[in-house]
Structures are given as C-alpha cells and as structure tokens.
C-alpha cells in the first residue's frame, strides 16, 4: 500500500488528505486551521508508511515546506487552477440531487469549503489517476 499526504496550503486554513494510491482511495480528508496541520501530518507519519507529502506550490508553499521537511519527503506540485477544478471534482464525487441535475455544473457552487478537494486534485494530477472518496466528509474548518 502506497500512501500519500496532499496539502493545499493556506495562511489560515489548509486542505489535507491521506490517500492510498494502490487502492485508489482517499482514506481521510479535512480542512484544518493552519496551526493544526503539522500535528496531523506527524500523527499520520507515525501511524502509516508515507511515501511522500505533496504541497501545492502557491504563495505559502515555502513556509509549509520548511515546517514539514523535517518530518518526511516533501514534493512541490503545480497548483494552478486547482480551486476551480476542485468545484468540478466535488460534483463528480458527490453528484447534485435530482432537482439540480439539469443545471450545468459550471454554474453550481457547493455550499462548503473545497480546500480538501483541491488537495485531492493536486494528488490526482501528480499520480495521473482519479481516486475514490467513498464517504462525503464534513468540510467545516476543524481545530
């Protein structure tokens, strides 16, 4: 089993997922306040054998790389357009109800935080494959 952590970094909050590429499956995903991210990564590293940690290369990537590199191998990945693509990917994973099905996805905006889905898009781009996310998580920002 090959496990990855993917981080869509931000200043106040971050989307983060733990995924198994051999199972093509997201094991866990959430949106955290920035000051909780390193603790979760450290916990996942101790619990699982992590192949790599992917970090989007946006404006806060150097800060996050400096914090995380002592824990595990970090790889910067291109995050251009991931926020918009996360919206589309959200609807692929959790299709709208039948009443909204007639509406074009490009016009629908999920009423939730998409940072964890953006982290998924980063990982899927890196791996060159789509992953399953069987249980829709609560995307409220957690402590």
N, C-alpha and C. Protein backbone atom coordinates (compact mmCIF):
# COMPACT_ATOMS: atom_id res chain seq x y z
N UNK A 1 0.83 -1.18 0.00
CA UNK A 1 0.00 0.00 0.00
C UNK A 1 0.88 1.25 0.00
N UNK A 2 0.63 2.12 -0.94
CA UNK A 2 1.42 3.33 -1.09
C UNK A 2 0.58 4.53 -0.67
N UNK A 3 0.98 5.15 0.42
CA UNK A 3 0.19 6.25 0.97
C UNK A 3 0.87 7.58 0.74
N UNK A 4 0.04 8.57 0.43
CA UNK A 4 0.48 9.93 0.20
C UNK A 4 -0.34 10.88 1.07
N UNK A 5 0.29 11.97 1.44
CA UNK A 5 -0.41 13.09 2.05
C UNK A 5 -0.35 14.22 1.03
N UNK A 6 -1.47 14.88 0.82
CA UNK A 6 -1.52 16.01 -0.10
C UNK A 6 -2.08 17.20 0.65
N UNK A 7 -1.42 18.35 0.47
CA UNK A 7 -1.76 19.56 1.20
C UNK A 7 -1.99 20.72 0.24
N UNK A 8 -3.19 21.31 0.35
CA UNK A 8 -3.47 22.56 -0.34
C UNK A 8 -3.24 23.64 0.72
N UNK A 9 -2.07 24.28 0.69
CA UNK A 9 -1.68 25.15 1.80
C UNK A 9 -2.32 26.54 1.74
N UNK A 10 -2.51 27.09 2.91
CA UNK A 10 -3.01 28.44 3.04
C UNK A 10 -2.45 29.08 4.29
N UNK A 11 -2.73 30.34 4.46
CA UNK A 11 -2.22 31.04 5.65
C UNK A 11 -3.05 30.72 6.88
N UNK A 12 -4.37 30.70 6.75
CA UNK A 12 -5.21 30.47 7.93
C UNK A 12 -5.82 29.07 7.97
N UNK A 13 -5.96 28.45 6.80
CA UNK A 13 -6.53 27.10 6.74
C UNK A 13 -5.89 26.33 5.60
N UNK A 14 -5.94 24.99 5.71
CA UNK A 14 -5.35 24.12 4.70
C UNK A 14 -6.27 22.93 4.45
N UNK A 15 -6.34 22.52 3.20
CA UNK A 15 -7.00 21.27 2.86
C UNK A 15 -5.95 20.18 2.89
N UNK A 16 -6.29 19.05 3.47
CA UNK A 16 -5.31 17.96 3.60
C UNK A 16 -6.01 16.62 3.42
N UNK A 17 -5.36 15.72 2.70
CA UNK A 17 -5.90 14.37 2.54
C UNK A 17 -4.80 13.34 2.76
N UNK A 18 -5.23 12.17 3.17
CA UNK A 18 -4.40 10.98 3.23
C UNK A 18 -5.01 10.00 2.25
N UNK A 19 -4.22 9.49 1.32
CA UNK A 19 -4.75 8.60 0.29
C UNK A 19 -3.82 7.42 0.06
N UNK A 20 -4.41 6.34 -0.40
CA UNK A 20 -3.67 5.14 -0.76
C UNK A 20 -3.76 4.98 -2.27
N UNK A 21 -2.64 5.19 -2.95
CA UNK A 21 -2.66 5.14 -4.42
C UNK A 21 -2.87 3.72 -4.95
N UNK A 22 -2.41 2.70 -4.22
CA UNK A 22 -2.60 1.34 -4.71
C UNK A 22 -4.07 0.92 -4.64
N UNK A 23 -4.81 1.46 -3.69
CA UNK A 23 -6.25 1.20 -3.60
C UNK A 23 -7.07 2.25 -4.36
N UNK A 24 -6.38 3.31 -4.83
CA UNK A 24 -7.05 4.44 -5.50
C UNK A 24 -8.15 5.01 -4.62
N UNK A 25 -7.78 5.30 -3.37
CA UNK A 25 -8.79 5.64 -2.37
C UNK A 25 -8.30 6.74 -1.43
N UNK A 26 -9.17 7.72 -1.17
CA UNK A 26 -8.92 8.71 -0.13
C UNK A 26 -9.31 8.08 1.19
N UNK A 27 -8.36 8.01 2.11
CA UNK A 27 -8.62 7.41 3.41
C UNK A 27 -9.20 8.42 4.39
N UNK A 28 -8.74 9.66 4.27
CA UNK A 28 -9.21 10.71 5.17
C UNK A 28 -8.94 12.06 4.51
N UNK A 29 -9.80 12.99 4.75
CA UNK A 29 -9.61 14.34 4.22
C UNK A 29 -10.35 15.34 5.07
N UNK A 30 -9.75 16.52 5.23
CA UNK A 30 -10.37 17.55 6.06
C UNK A 30 -9.78 18.91 5.76
N UNK A 31 -10.40 19.91 6.32
CA UNK A 31 -9.90 21.28 6.27
C UNK A 31 -9.57 21.66 7.70
N UNK A 32 -8.32 22.08 7.90
CA UNK A 32 -7.83 22.39 9.23
C UNK A 32 -7.37 23.83 9.32
N UNK A 33 -7.43 24.37 10.52
CA UNK A 33 -6.75 25.63 10.77
C UNK A 33 -5.26 25.34 10.62
N UNK A 34 -4.53 26.30 10.12
CA UNK A 34 -3.12 26.10 9.79
C UNK A 34 -2.28 25.61 10.97
N UNK A 35 -2.60 26.05 12.16
CA UNK A 35 -1.77 25.66 13.30
C UNK A 35 -1.98 24.20 13.74
N UNK A 36 -2.91 23.48 13.12
CA UNK A 36 -3.15 22.06 13.45
C UNK A 36 -2.56 21.10 12.42
N UNK A 37 -2.10 21.62 11.30
CA UNK A 37 -1.68 20.78 10.18
C UNK A 37 -0.47 19.91 10.50
N UNK A 38 0.57 20.49 11.06
CA UNK A 38 1.80 19.74 11.31
C UNK A 38 1.55 18.60 12.29
N UNK A 39 0.71 18.82 13.29
CA UNK A 39 0.39 17.75 14.24
C UNK A 39 -0.30 16.58 13.55
N UNK A 40 -1.24 16.86 12.65
CA UNK A 40 -1.92 15.78 11.93
C UNK A 40 -0.95 15.04 11.02
N UNK A 41 -0.11 15.77 10.31
CA UNK A 41 0.88 15.13 9.44
C UNK A 41 1.80 14.23 10.26
N UNK A 42 2.27 14.73 11.40
CA UNK A 42 3.13 13.94 12.27
C UNK A 42 2.41 12.67 12.74
N UNK A 43 1.14 12.78 13.10
CA UNK A 43 0.34 11.62 13.51
C UNK A 43 0.24 10.61 12.38
N UNK A 44 -0.10 11.07 11.16
CA UNK A 44 -0.22 10.16 10.03
C UNK A 44 1.11 9.49 9.70
N UNK A 45 2.20 10.22 9.81
CA UNK A 45 3.53 9.65 9.53
C UNK A 45 3.85 8.54 10.52
N UNK A 46 3.51 8.75 11.79
CA UNK A 46 3.77 7.73 12.81
C UNK A 46 2.85 6.52 12.64
N UNK A 47 1.64 6.73 12.16
CA UNK A 47 0.67 5.64 12.03
C UNK A 47 0.81 4.85 10.72
N UNK A 48 1.21 5.53 9.65
CA UNK A 48 1.29 4.91 8.32
C UNK A 48 2.68 5.11 7.71
N UNK A 49 3.00 4.28 6.76
CA UNK A 49 4.22 4.47 5.98
C UNK A 49 3.87 5.40 4.82
N UNK A 50 4.34 6.63 4.89
CA UNK A 50 4.01 7.66 3.90
C UNK A 50 5.12 7.73 2.86
N UNK A 51 4.75 7.59 1.60
CA UNK A 51 5.74 7.66 0.53
C UNK A 51 6.22 9.09 0.32
N UNK A 52 5.28 10.05 0.29
CA UNK A 52 5.65 11.43 0.03
C UNK A 52 4.52 12.34 0.48
N UNK A 53 4.90 13.59 0.74
CA UNK A 53 3.94 14.63 1.05
C UNK A 53 3.97 15.64 -0.09
N UNK A 54 2.82 15.85 -0.70
CA UNK A 54 2.72 16.79 -1.81
C UNK A 54 2.17 18.10 -1.28
N UNK A 55 2.77 19.19 -1.72
CA UNK A 55 2.34 20.53 -1.31
C UNK A 55 2.16 21.38 -2.56
N UNK A 56 1.01 22.03 -2.66
CA UNK A 56 0.79 22.96 -3.76
C UNK A 56 1.80 24.09 -3.70
N UNK A 57 2.29 24.51 -4.86
CA UNK A 57 3.40 25.46 -4.94
C UNK A 57 2.97 26.93 -4.91
N UNK A 58 1.88 27.24 -4.25
CA UNK A 58 1.39 28.63 -4.17
C UNK A 58 2.22 29.48 -3.24
N UNK A 59 1.67 30.60 -2.85
CA UNK A 59 2.42 31.62 -2.11
C UNK A 59 2.92 31.17 -0.75
N UNK A 60 2.24 30.24 -0.09
CA UNK A 60 2.70 29.81 1.24
C UNK A 60 3.50 28.51 1.21
N UNK A 61 3.83 28.02 0.03
CA UNK A 61 4.49 26.71 -0.08
C UNK A 61 5.87 26.67 0.59
N UNK A 62 6.64 27.74 0.50
CA UNK A 62 7.98 27.74 1.12
C UNK A 62 7.86 27.62 2.64
N UNK A 63 6.91 28.33 3.21
CA UNK A 63 6.67 28.26 4.65
C UNK A 63 6.33 26.83 5.06
N UNK A 64 5.40 26.20 4.34
CA UNK A 64 4.97 24.84 4.68
C UNK A 64 6.07 23.81 4.44
N UNK A 65 6.83 23.98 3.38
CA UNK A 65 7.93 23.06 3.09
C UNK A 65 8.94 23.08 4.23
N UNK A 66 9.26 24.27 4.73
CA UNK A 66 10.21 24.41 5.84
C UNK A 66 9.70 23.70 7.09
N UNK A 67 8.41 23.78 7.35
CA UNK A 67 7.83 23.12 8.53
C UNK A 67 7.77 21.60 8.40
N UNK A 68 7.49 21.11 7.20
CA UNK A 68 7.20 19.68 7.03
C UNK A 68 8.42 18.86 6.63
N UNK A 69 9.39 19.46 5.97
CA UNK A 69 10.57 18.69 5.52
C UNK A 69 11.28 17.91 6.63
N UNK A 70 11.33 18.42 7.86
CA UNK A 70 11.96 17.59 8.91
C UNK A 70 11.20 16.29 9.21
N UNK A 71 9.93 16.24 8.83
CA UNK A 71 9.12 15.06 9.13
C UNK A 71 9.16 14.00 8.04
N UNK A 72 9.19 14.43 6.78
CA UNK A 72 9.13 13.48 5.65
C UNK A 72 9.52 14.19 4.36
N UNK A 73 9.67 13.36 3.32
CA UNK A 73 10.00 13.87 1.99
C UNK A 73 8.84 14.73 1.48
N UNK A 74 9.17 15.94 1.01
CA UNK A 74 8.16 16.88 0.51
C UNK A 74 8.39 17.10 -0.98
N UNK A 75 7.32 17.15 -1.72
CA UNK A 75 7.39 17.42 -3.15
C UNK A 75 6.41 18.54 -3.48
N UNK A 76 6.92 19.60 -4.10
CA UNK A 76 6.06 20.70 -4.55
C UNK A 76 5.41 20.32 -5.87
N UNK A 77 4.12 20.61 -6.00
CA UNK A 77 3.39 20.32 -7.23
C UNK A 77 2.64 21.57 -7.68
N UNK A 78 2.42 21.67 -8.96
CA UNK A 78 1.75 22.83 -9.54
C UNK A 78 0.30 22.88 -9.09
N UNK A 79 -0.11 24.01 -8.52
CA UNK A 79 -1.49 24.12 -8.06
C UNK A 79 -2.31 25.10 -8.90
N UNK A 80 -1.84 25.41 -10.09
CA UNK A 80 -2.56 26.32 -10.97
C UNK A 80 -3.95 25.77 -11.29
N UNK A 81 -4.96 26.56 -11.01
CA UNK A 81 -6.33 26.20 -11.36
C UNK A 81 -7.01 25.17 -10.48
N UNK A 82 -6.35 24.75 -9.38
CA UNK A 82 -6.94 23.68 -8.58
C UNK A 82 -8.22 24.11 -7.87
N UNK A 83 -8.35 25.36 -7.52
CA UNK A 83 -9.56 25.79 -6.82
C UNK A 83 -10.79 25.64 -7.72
N UNK A 84 -10.68 26.07 -8.96
CA UNK A 84 -11.81 25.91 -9.89
C UNK A 84 -12.06 24.45 -10.22
N UNK A 85 -10.99 23.70 -10.40
CA UNK A 85 -11.14 22.28 -10.72
C UNK A 85 -11.70 21.50 -9.54
N UNK A 86 -11.44 21.97 -8.32
CA UNK A 86 -11.97 21.30 -7.13
C UNK A 86 -13.50 21.37 -7.11
N UNK A 87 -14.06 22.47 -7.57
CA UNK A 87 -15.51 22.59 -7.62
C UNK A 87 -16.10 21.53 -8.54
N UNK A 88 -15.52 21.37 -9.72
CA UNK A 88 -16.00 20.36 -10.67
C UNK A 88 -15.81 18.96 -10.10
N UNK A 89 -14.65 18.72 -9.48
CA UNK A 89 -14.36 17.39 -8.92
C UNK A 89 -15.32 17.05 -7.77
N UNK A 90 -15.69 18.06 -6.99
CA UNK A 90 -16.65 17.86 -5.91
C UNK A 90 -17.94 17.26 -6.45
N UNK A 91 -18.46 17.85 -7.55
CA UNK A 91 -19.72 17.36 -8.12
C UNK A 91 -19.56 15.99 -8.76
N UNK A 92 -18.36 15.65 -9.24
CA UNK A 92 -18.12 14.30 -9.75
C UNK A 92 -18.21 13.28 -8.61
N UNK A 93 -17.62 13.64 -7.47
CA UNK A 93 -17.61 12.72 -6.33
C UNK A 93 -18.98 12.59 -5.67
N UNK A 94 -19.65 13.72 -5.52
CA UNK A 94 -20.94 13.76 -4.84
C UNK A 94 -21.93 14.52 -5.72
N UNK A 95 -22.53 13.83 -6.69
CA UNK A 95 -23.42 14.49 -7.65
C UNK A 95 -24.57 15.22 -6.96
N UNK A 96 -25.04 16.30 -7.60
CA UNK A 96 -26.15 17.06 -7.02
C UNK A 96 -27.43 16.22 -7.02
N UNK A 97 -28.37 16.63 -6.18
CA UNK A 97 -29.63 15.90 -6.15
C UNK A 97 -30.38 16.07 -7.48
N UNK A 98 -31.37 15.28 -7.66
CA UNK A 98 -32.10 15.24 -8.94
C UNK A 98 -32.71 16.59 -9.33
N UNK A 99 -33.07 17.41 -8.36
CA UNK A 99 -33.67 18.71 -8.67
C UNK A 99 -32.68 19.66 -9.35
N UNK A 100 -31.40 19.51 -9.03
CA UNK A 100 -30.38 20.39 -9.62
C UNK A 100 -29.65 19.75 -10.79
N UNK A 101 -29.98 18.51 -11.10
CA UNK A 101 -29.23 17.77 -12.11
C UNK A 101 -29.26 18.43 -13.49
N UNK A 102 -30.31 19.15 -13.80
CA UNK A 102 -30.44 19.80 -15.11
C UNK A 102 -29.52 21.01 -15.25
N UNK A 103 -29.02 21.54 -14.14
CA UNK A 103 -28.21 22.75 -14.15
C UNK A 103 -26.75 22.42 -14.51
N UNK A 104 -26.12 23.22 -15.35
CA UNK A 104 -24.70 22.95 -15.67
C UNK A 104 -23.82 23.04 -14.42
N UNK A 105 -22.90 22.11 -14.28
CA UNK A 105 -22.02 22.08 -13.11
C UNK A 105 -21.25 23.38 -12.97
N UNK A 106 -20.88 24.00 -14.07
CA UNK A 106 -20.10 25.24 -14.00
C UNK A 106 -20.85 26.37 -13.31
N UNK A 107 -22.17 26.27 -13.24
CA UNK A 107 -22.97 27.30 -12.57
C UNK A 107 -23.27 26.98 -11.11
N UNK A 108 -22.98 25.75 -10.70
CA UNK A 108 -23.28 25.35 -9.32
C UNK A 108 -22.05 25.54 -8.43
N UNK A 109 -22.30 26.08 -7.26
CA UNK A 109 -21.23 26.29 -6.29
C UNK A 109 -21.57 25.50 -5.03
N UNK A 110 -20.75 24.52 -4.68
CA UNK A 110 -21.03 23.77 -3.46
C UNK A 110 -21.02 24.71 -2.26
N UNK A 111 -21.93 24.49 -1.35
CA UNK A 111 -22.02 25.31 -0.15
C UNK A 111 -21.10 24.72 0.92
N UNK A 112 -19.82 24.63 0.59
CA UNK A 112 -18.86 24.02 1.51
C UNK A 112 -17.46 24.50 1.16
N UNK A 113 -16.53 24.24 2.04
CA UNK A 113 -15.13 24.59 1.84
C UNK A 113 -14.49 23.51 0.96
N UNK A 114 -13.80 23.91 -0.09
CA UNK A 114 -13.26 22.94 -1.07
C UNK A 114 -11.76 22.71 -0.96
N UNK A 115 -11.12 23.18 0.10
CA UNK A 115 -9.66 23.04 0.20
C UNK A 115 -9.21 21.58 0.21
N UNK A 116 -9.95 20.69 0.86
CA UNK A 116 -9.57 19.27 0.87
C UNK A 116 -9.73 18.66 -0.52
N UNK A 117 -10.74 19.10 -1.25
CA UNK A 117 -10.92 18.60 -2.62
C UNK A 117 -9.80 19.15 -3.52
N UNK A 118 -9.36 20.37 -3.26
CA UNK A 118 -8.21 20.91 -4.01
C UNK A 118 -6.96 20.07 -3.73
N UNK A 119 -6.78 19.63 -2.49
CA UNK A 119 -5.66 18.74 -2.16
C UNK A 119 -5.78 17.43 -2.93
N UNK A 120 -7.00 16.95 -3.09
CA UNK A 120 -7.23 15.74 -3.89
C UNK A 120 -6.83 15.97 -5.34
N UNK A 121 -7.23 17.10 -5.91
CA UNK A 121 -6.89 17.41 -7.30
C UNK A 121 -5.37 17.45 -7.48
N UNK A 122 -4.65 18.01 -6.52
CA UNK A 122 -3.18 18.03 -6.58
C UNK A 122 -2.62 16.61 -6.66
N UNK A 123 -3.13 15.74 -5.81
CA UNK A 123 -2.64 14.36 -5.79
C UNK A 123 -3.02 13.61 -7.06
N UNK A 124 -4.25 13.79 -7.51
CA UNK A 124 -4.68 13.11 -8.73
C UNK A 124 -3.84 13.54 -9.93
N UNK A 125 -3.52 14.83 -10.02
CA UNK A 125 -2.65 15.31 -11.10
C UNK A 125 -1.28 14.64 -11.01
N UNK A 126 -0.73 14.58 -9.81
CA UNK A 126 0.59 14.00 -9.59
C UNK A 126 0.61 12.52 -9.97
N UNK A 127 -0.42 11.79 -9.55
CA UNK A 127 -0.47 10.34 -9.81
C UNK A 127 -0.95 10.01 -11.21
N UNK A 128 -1.65 10.94 -11.85
CA UNK A 128 -2.20 10.68 -13.18
C UNK A 128 -3.39 9.74 -13.15
N UNK A 129 -4.14 9.75 -12.04
CA UNK A 129 -5.33 8.90 -11.92
C UNK A 129 -6.31 9.54 -10.94
N UNK A 130 -7.57 9.17 -11.11
CA UNK A 130 -8.61 9.65 -10.20
C UNK A 130 -8.75 8.67 -9.04
N UNK A 131 -9.04 9.22 -7.88
CA UNK A 131 -9.22 8.41 -6.68
C UNK A 131 -10.68 8.43 -6.26
N UNK A 132 -11.09 7.39 -5.56
CA UNK A 132 -12.44 7.33 -4.99
C UNK A 132 -12.40 7.96 -3.60
N UNK A 133 -13.50 8.60 -3.24
CA UNK A 133 -13.65 9.17 -1.90
C UNK A 133 -15.02 8.72 -1.42
N UNK A 134 -15.08 7.54 -0.80
CA UNK A 134 -16.37 6.90 -0.57
C UNK A 134 -17.33 7.64 0.37
N UNK A 135 -16.82 8.28 1.40
CA UNK A 135 -17.71 8.94 2.36
C UNK A 135 -17.51 10.44 2.30
N UNK A 136 -18.59 11.15 2.05
CA UNK A 136 -18.51 12.61 1.98
C UNK A 136 -18.17 13.15 3.37
N UNK A 137 -17.00 13.79 3.50
CA UNK A 137 -16.60 14.30 4.81
C UNK A 137 -17.28 15.63 5.14
N UNK A 138 -17.15 16.02 6.36
CA UNK A 138 -17.60 17.33 6.82
C UNK A 138 -16.45 18.30 6.54
N UNK A 139 -16.68 19.25 5.64
CA UNK A 139 -15.61 20.16 5.24
C UNK A 139 -15.56 21.45 6.04
N UNK A 140 -16.23 21.48 7.20
CA UNK A 140 -16.08 22.65 8.05
C UNK A 140 -14.66 22.72 8.55
N UNK A 141 -14.16 23.88 8.79
CA UNK A 141 -12.78 24.06 9.26
C UNK A 141 -12.68 23.53 10.68
N UNK A 142 -11.76 22.60 10.88
CA UNK A 142 -11.57 21.97 12.18
C UNK A 142 -10.40 22.59 12.92
N UNK A 143 -10.40 22.45 14.21
CA UNK A 143 -9.30 22.97 15.04
C UNK A 143 -8.03 22.23 14.80
